[in-house]
């Protein structure tokens, strides 16, 4: 199963291809998605990367957290699943 990684403090000019290449040094990257602001259509400075192998993902996290990339020190850690509120419906 793929492991999802949060990548923060990114340079706003970093592309998904650059991000994919950075993480591909550690293993196979399933996806790399830079989050874009809905109103301004500009990057928000963070992204999510999915890697196929948990071991490769752990290696990427430990090696890239705090590393300078594209002029910024990245913040890299395992993504935390966003919990959604439970809605109750009344008749």
Protein backbone atom coordinates (compact mmCIF):
# COMPACT_ATOMS: atom_id res chain seq x y z
CA UNK A 1 0.00 0.00 0.00
CA UNK A 2 1.22 3.49 -0.84
CA UNK A 3 2.31 5.90 1.88
CA UNK A 4 1.23 9.54 1.65
CA UNK A 5 3.82 12.18 2.57
CA UNK A 6 3.25 15.83 3.44
CA UNK A 7 5.83 18.27 2.01
CA UNK A 8 5.72 21.79 3.41
CA UNK A 9 7.65 25.06 3.26
CA UNK A 10 8.08 24.65 -0.49
CA UNK A 11 9.19 27.34 -2.90
CA UNK A 12 6.12 28.59 -4.77
CA UNK A 13 7.95 28.04 -8.08
CA UNK A 14 8.63 24.33 -7.47
CA UNK A 15 6.88 22.11 -10.02
CA UNK A 16 5.33 18.69 -9.55
CA UNK A 17 7.99 17.22 -11.88
CA UNK A 18 10.79 18.64 -9.69
CA UNK A 19 9.10 17.25 -6.59
CA UNK A 20 8.62 13.84 -8.23
CA UNK A 21 12.30 13.76 -9.26
CA UNK A 22 13.41 14.65 -5.73
CA UNK A 23 11.44 11.80 -4.15
CA UNK A 24 12.21 9.32 -6.96
CA UNK A 25 15.79 9.15 -5.61
CA UNK A 26 14.38 7.02 -2.78
CA UNK A 27 11.84 4.85 -4.63
CA UNK A 28 8.86 4.77 -6.95
CA UNK A 29 6.59 7.81 -6.71
CA UNK A 30 2.90 7.07 -7.34
CA UNK A 31 1.86 10.73 -7.38
CA UNK A 32 3.03 14.25 -6.56
CA UNK A 33 0.37 16.93 -6.08
CA UNK A 34 1.09 20.56 -5.27
CA UNK A 35 -1.89 22.18 -3.56
CA UNK A 36 -3.27 25.22 -5.40
CA UNK A 37 -5.32 28.04 -3.85
CA UNK A 38 -8.85 28.06 -5.32
CA UNK A 39 -9.14 31.83 -5.46
CA UNK A 40 -5.68 32.94 -6.60
CA UNK A 41 -4.81 29.76 -8.57
CA UNK A 42 -1.31 29.93 -7.08
CA UNK A 43 0.54 27.22 -5.13
CA UNK A 44 -0.01 27.29 -1.37
CA UNK A 45 3.55 26.15 -0.59
CA UNK A 46 2.82 22.54 0.28
CA UNK A 47 2.20 19.26 -1.49
CA UNK A 48 1.47 15.58 -1.03
CA UNK A 49 3.62 12.81 -2.46
CA UNK A 50 2.61 9.15 -2.53
CA UNK A 51 5.27 6.46 -2.66
CA UNK A 52 4.58 2.80 -3.41
CA UNK A 53 6.96 1.32 -0.84
CA UNK A 54 6.70 2.19 2.87
CA UNK A 55 10.43 1.69 3.40
CA UNK A 56 11.31 4.04 0.56
CA UNK A 57 8.82 6.59 1.90
CA UNK A 58 10.36 6.39 5.38
CA UNK A 59 13.84 6.86 3.90
CA UNK A 60 12.67 9.89 1.91
CA UNK A 61 11.06 11.41 5.00
CA UNK A 62 14.17 10.99 7.14
CA UNK A 63 16.56 12.24 4.45
CA UNK A 64 14.51 15.17 3.11
CA UNK A 65 13.03 16.67 6.29
CA UNK A 66 14.91 19.94 6.85
CA UNK A 67 16.83 19.62 3.57
CA UNK A 68 17.27 22.73 1.44
CA UNK A 69 15.49 22.40 -1.89
CA UNK A 70 14.84 25.21 -4.37
CA UNK A 71 15.95 27.78 -1.79
CA UNK A 72 13.75 26.57 1.09
CA UNK A 73 14.22 24.07 3.93
CA UNK A 74 11.53 21.47 3.39
CA UNK A 75 9.30 20.10 6.12
CA UNK A 76 8.62 16.44 5.29
CA UNK A 77 6.58 13.95 7.30
CA UNK A 78 3.94 11.28 6.95
CA UNK A 79 0.60 12.81 6.04
CA UNK A 80 -2.06 12.59 8.72
CA UNK A 81 -5.47 11.46 7.52
CA UNK A 82 -7.96 14.27 7.73
CA UNK A 83 -10.91 13.20 9.83
CA UNK A 84 -14.30 14.26 8.64
CA UNK A 85 -17.04 15.22 11.07
CA UNK A 86 -19.83 12.72 11.44
CA UNK A 87 -23.14 14.20 10.44
CA UNK A 88 -26.32 13.09 12.08
CA UNK A 89 -29.57 13.22 10.23
CA UNK A 90 -32.91 13.62 11.95
CA UNK A 91 -36.27 12.70 10.47
